[in-house]
Amino acid sequence: MSLQIRPAEAGDAATIVRLIRDLADYERLLHEVRITEADLTAALFCETPRVFCDIARWNGEPVGLALWFYTFSTFVGRHGIWLEDLFVEPDKRGLGIGKALLTGLAERCVAEGLGRLEWSVLDWNAPSIAFYESLGARPMSDWTTYRLADDALASVGRKGV
C-alpha cells in the first residue's frame, strides 16, 4: 500500500470538488456547498493563488485533501496557515493519511518560519477531535468564530459605499 501527497494540479479540480462535497455531506452541511469546478480552478490555479490544496492518493487513487491558506498573527508577528478543509474518505481513515496531510502542513510551517497551524472542527465531531488532540492540538475554548455571509455580508458591505 502506498501513500502519496502532492500539491493539487489543474486536472484535480473535479476530484477536489467531489472531496469537498463528501466532506460537507459528512459534516451535514452539503446544503451549503456552492463551489463549482470553475470556482475552484479560478482560485487554486490562477497566476497568484491565495488558497492551496494538497491531495492524498492511496495506491494511486485520490482519497483525501488539505485545503489551506496563509494567515497572519499580530500577536506572534508571523504568518501561519489556516487549514480550511481536511478530509479523508471514511473507508481510508486509520491508515495515517490525515496525519500525513497535517504533518506536511506542520513541516511547511517549520520550514517557512510560520507561527501557527490552525483550523476549526465541529463540536459534535468526536472522532476528529480525538485525532487532533492525539497530535497535541488543543482547542481554543475562549474564542468563538463569527461569520458574515450572504445577506448580512452584502448589507454590511454596502454600507461603506
Protein backbone atom coordinates (compact mmCIF):
# COMPACT_ATOMS: atom_id res chain seq x y z
CA MET A 1 0.00 0.00 0.00
CA SER A 2 1.39 3.40 -0.94
CA LEU A 3 0.54 6.94 0.09
CA GLN A 4 1.46 9.96 -1.98
CA ILE A 5 0.77 13.56 -1.03
CA ARG A 6 1.32 16.25 -3.60
CA PRO A 7 0.15 19.77 -4.42
CA ALA A 8 -3.06 19.86 -6.41
CA GLU A 9 -2.86 20.36 -10.16
CA ALA A 10 -5.41 21.88 -12.52
CA GLY A 11 -6.58 18.44 -13.60
CA ASP A 12 -7.58 17.69 -9.99
CA ALA A 13 -10.44 20.22 -9.88
CA ALA A 14 -13.27 17.69 -10.28
CA THR A 15 -11.72 15.42 -7.64
CA ILE A 16 -11.28 18.29 -5.19
CA VAL A 17 -14.89 19.40 -5.64
CA ARG A 18 -16.03 15.81 -5.08
CA LEU A 19 -13.97 15.57 -1.88
CA ILE A 20 -15.32 18.93 -0.66
CA ARG A 21 -18.86 17.68 -1.27
CA ASP A 22 -18.06 14.43 0.56
CA LEU A 23 -16.71 16.45 3.49
CA ALA A 24 -19.79 18.66 3.52
CA ASP A 25 -22.03 15.59 3.46
CA TYR A 26 -20.09 14.11 6.42
CA GLU A 27 -20.42 17.42 8.28
CA ARG A 28 -24.15 17.59 7.48
CA LEU A 29 -23.57 20.80 5.52
CA LEU A 30 -24.00 19.65 1.93
CA HIS A 31 -26.84 22.15 1.50
CA GLU A 32 -24.28 24.97 1.90
CA VAL A 33 -21.92 23.85 -0.87
CA ARG A 34 -21.97 26.15 -3.89
CA ILE A 35 -18.43 25.69 -5.26
CA THR A 36 -18.04 24.66 -8.87
CA GLU A 37 -15.04 23.30 -10.74
CA ALA A 38 -14.72 26.73 -12.39
CA ASP A 39 -14.69 28.48 -8.99
CA LEU A 40 -12.08 26.12 -7.67
CA THR A 41 -9.92 26.34 -10.79
CA ALA A 42 -10.02 30.15 -10.67
CA ALA A 43 -8.99 30.17 -7.00
CA LEU A 44 -6.34 27.44 -6.92
CA PHE A 45 -4.75 27.63 -10.33
CA CYS A 46 -4.63 31.34 -11.13
CA GLU A 47 -1.43 33.34 -11.56
CA THR A 48 -1.36 34.41 -7.89
CA PRO A 49 -3.39 31.91 -5.85
CA ARG A 50 -4.42 32.79 -2.31
CA VAL A 51 -5.53 29.28 -1.43
CA PHE A 52 -3.72 25.98 -1.84
CA CYS A 53 -4.56 22.30 -1.78
CA ASP A 54 -2.66 19.10 -1.13
CA ILE A 55 -4.08 15.85 -2.47
CA ALA A 56 -3.60 12.48 -0.78
CA ARG A 57 -3.53 9.46 -3.07
CA TRP A 58 -3.70 5.90 -1.78
CA ASN A 59 -2.50 3.35 -4.31
CA GLY A 60 -2.90 5.99 -6.98
CA GLU A 61 -6.49 6.88 -6.12
CA PRO A 62 -7.34 10.33 -4.66
CA VAL A 63 -8.72 9.77 -1.14
CA GLY A 64 -8.17 13.00 0.76
CA LEU A 65 -7.22 16.63 0.76
CA ALA A 66 -5.95 19.51 2.83
CA LEU A 67 -7.15 22.89 1.56
CA TRP A 68 -5.36 25.81 3.22
CA PHE A 69 -4.21 29.43 3.05
CA TYR A 70 -1.80 31.76 4.81
CA THR A 71 -2.86 33.93 7.75
CA PHE A 72 -1.05 36.50 9.86
CA SER A 73 -0.94 36.79 13.65
CA THR A 74 -0.35 40.26 15.01
CA PHE A 75 0.41 38.73 18.41
CA VAL A 76 3.06 36.34 17.10
CA GLY A 77 4.22 38.73 14.39
CA ARG A 78 4.40 35.99 11.78
CA HIS A 79 2.32 34.30 9.16
CA GLY A 80 0.61 31.00 9.82
CA ILE A 81 -1.56 28.52 7.98
CA TRP A 82 -5.31 28.18 8.27
CA LEU A 83 -6.47 24.68 7.36
CA GLU A 84 -9.87 25.26 5.80
CA ASP A 85 -10.63 21.64 5.00
CA LEU A 86 -9.05 18.34 5.92
CA PHE A 87 -10.83 15.29 4.60
CA VAL A 88 -10.06 11.62 4.16
CA GLU A 89 -12.63 9.27 2.71
CA PRO A 90 -14.24 7.31 5.56
CA ASP A 91 -13.11 3.89 4.32
CA LYS A 92 -9.48 5.11 4.24
CA ARG A 93 -9.37 6.57 7.74
CA GLY A 94 -6.97 4.99 10.20
CA LEU A 95 -4.27 4.49 7.55
CA GLY A 96 -2.27 7.59 8.51
CA ILE A 97 -3.50 9.70 5.60
CA GLY A 98 -4.93 12.56 7.68
CA LYS A 99 -1.84 12.56 9.86
CA ALA A 100 0.37 12.72 6.77
CA LEU A 101 -1.60 15.69 5.39
CA LEU A 102 -1.31 17.53 8.72
CA THR A 103 2.35 16.61 9.08
CA GLY A 104 3.04 18.07 5.65
CA LEU A 105 1.46 21.36 6.67
CA ALA A 106 3.32 21.38 10.00
CA GLU A 107 6.58 20.74 8.13
CA ARG A 108 5.76 23.67 5.84
CA CYS A 109 5.15 25.87 8.88
CA VAL A 110 8.52 24.92 10.39
CA ALA A 111 10.40 25.30 7.09
CA GLU A 112 8.87 28.73 6.39
CA GLY A 113 9.18 30.00 9.97
CA LEU A 114 5.43 30.28 10.39
CA GLY A 115 3.96 30.72 13.86
CA ARG A 116 0.75 28.69 13.78
CA LEU A 117 -1.27 25.97 12.12
CA GLU A 118 -4.94 26.42 12.95
CA TRP A 119 -8.33 25.06 11.96
CA SER A 120 -11.91 24.62 13.16
CA VAL A 121 -13.73 21.43 13.99
CA LEU A 122 -17.42 20.92 14.61
CA ASP A 123 -18.22 20.40 18.29
CA TRP A 124 -20.00 17.08 17.64
CA ASN A 125 -17.16 15.58 15.57
CA ALA A 126 -15.66 13.44 18.36
CA PRO A 127 -13.51 11.22 16.09
CA SER A 128 -11.79 14.26 14.55
CA ILE A 129 -11.38 15.98 17.92
CA ALA A 130 -9.76 12.86 19.36
CA PHE A 131 -7.47 12.62 16.32
CA TYR A 132 -6.38 16.26 16.57
CA GLU A 133 -5.80 16.03 20.31
CA SER A 134 -3.73 12.85 19.82
CA LEU A 135 -1.35 15.02 17.77
CA GLY A 136 -1.08 17.60 20.55
CA ALA A 137 -3.55 20.13 19.14
CA ARG A 138 -5.65 21.93 21.73
CA PRO A 139 -8.99 23.70 21.38
CA MET A 140 -9.16 27.47 21.65
CA SER A 141 -12.11 27.35 24.02
CA ASP A 142 -12.06 31.06 24.83
CA TRP A 143 -12.69 32.06 21.22
CA THR A 144 -15.95 32.00 19.28
CA THR A 145 -15.92 32.14 15.49
CA TYR A 146 -18.20 34.72 13.89
CA ARG A 147 -19.19 34.88 10.24
CA LEU A 148 -20.72 37.49 7.98
CA ALA A 149 -22.17 35.81 4.90
CA ASP A 150 -24.91 36.11 2.31
CA ASP A 151 -27.40 38.94 3.03
CA ALA A 152 -25.63 40.12 6.19
CA LEU A 153 -22.30 40.41 4.35
CA ALA A 154 -23.95 42.24 1.47
CA SER A 155 -25.70 44.61 3.87
CA VAL A 156 -22.56 45.48 5.82
CA GLY A 157 -20.50 45.67 2.65
CA ARG A 158 -22.90 48.11 1.00
CA LYS A 159 -22.95 50.49 3.99
CA GLY A 160 -19.40 51.56 3.21
CA VAL A 161 -20.33 52.50 -0.38
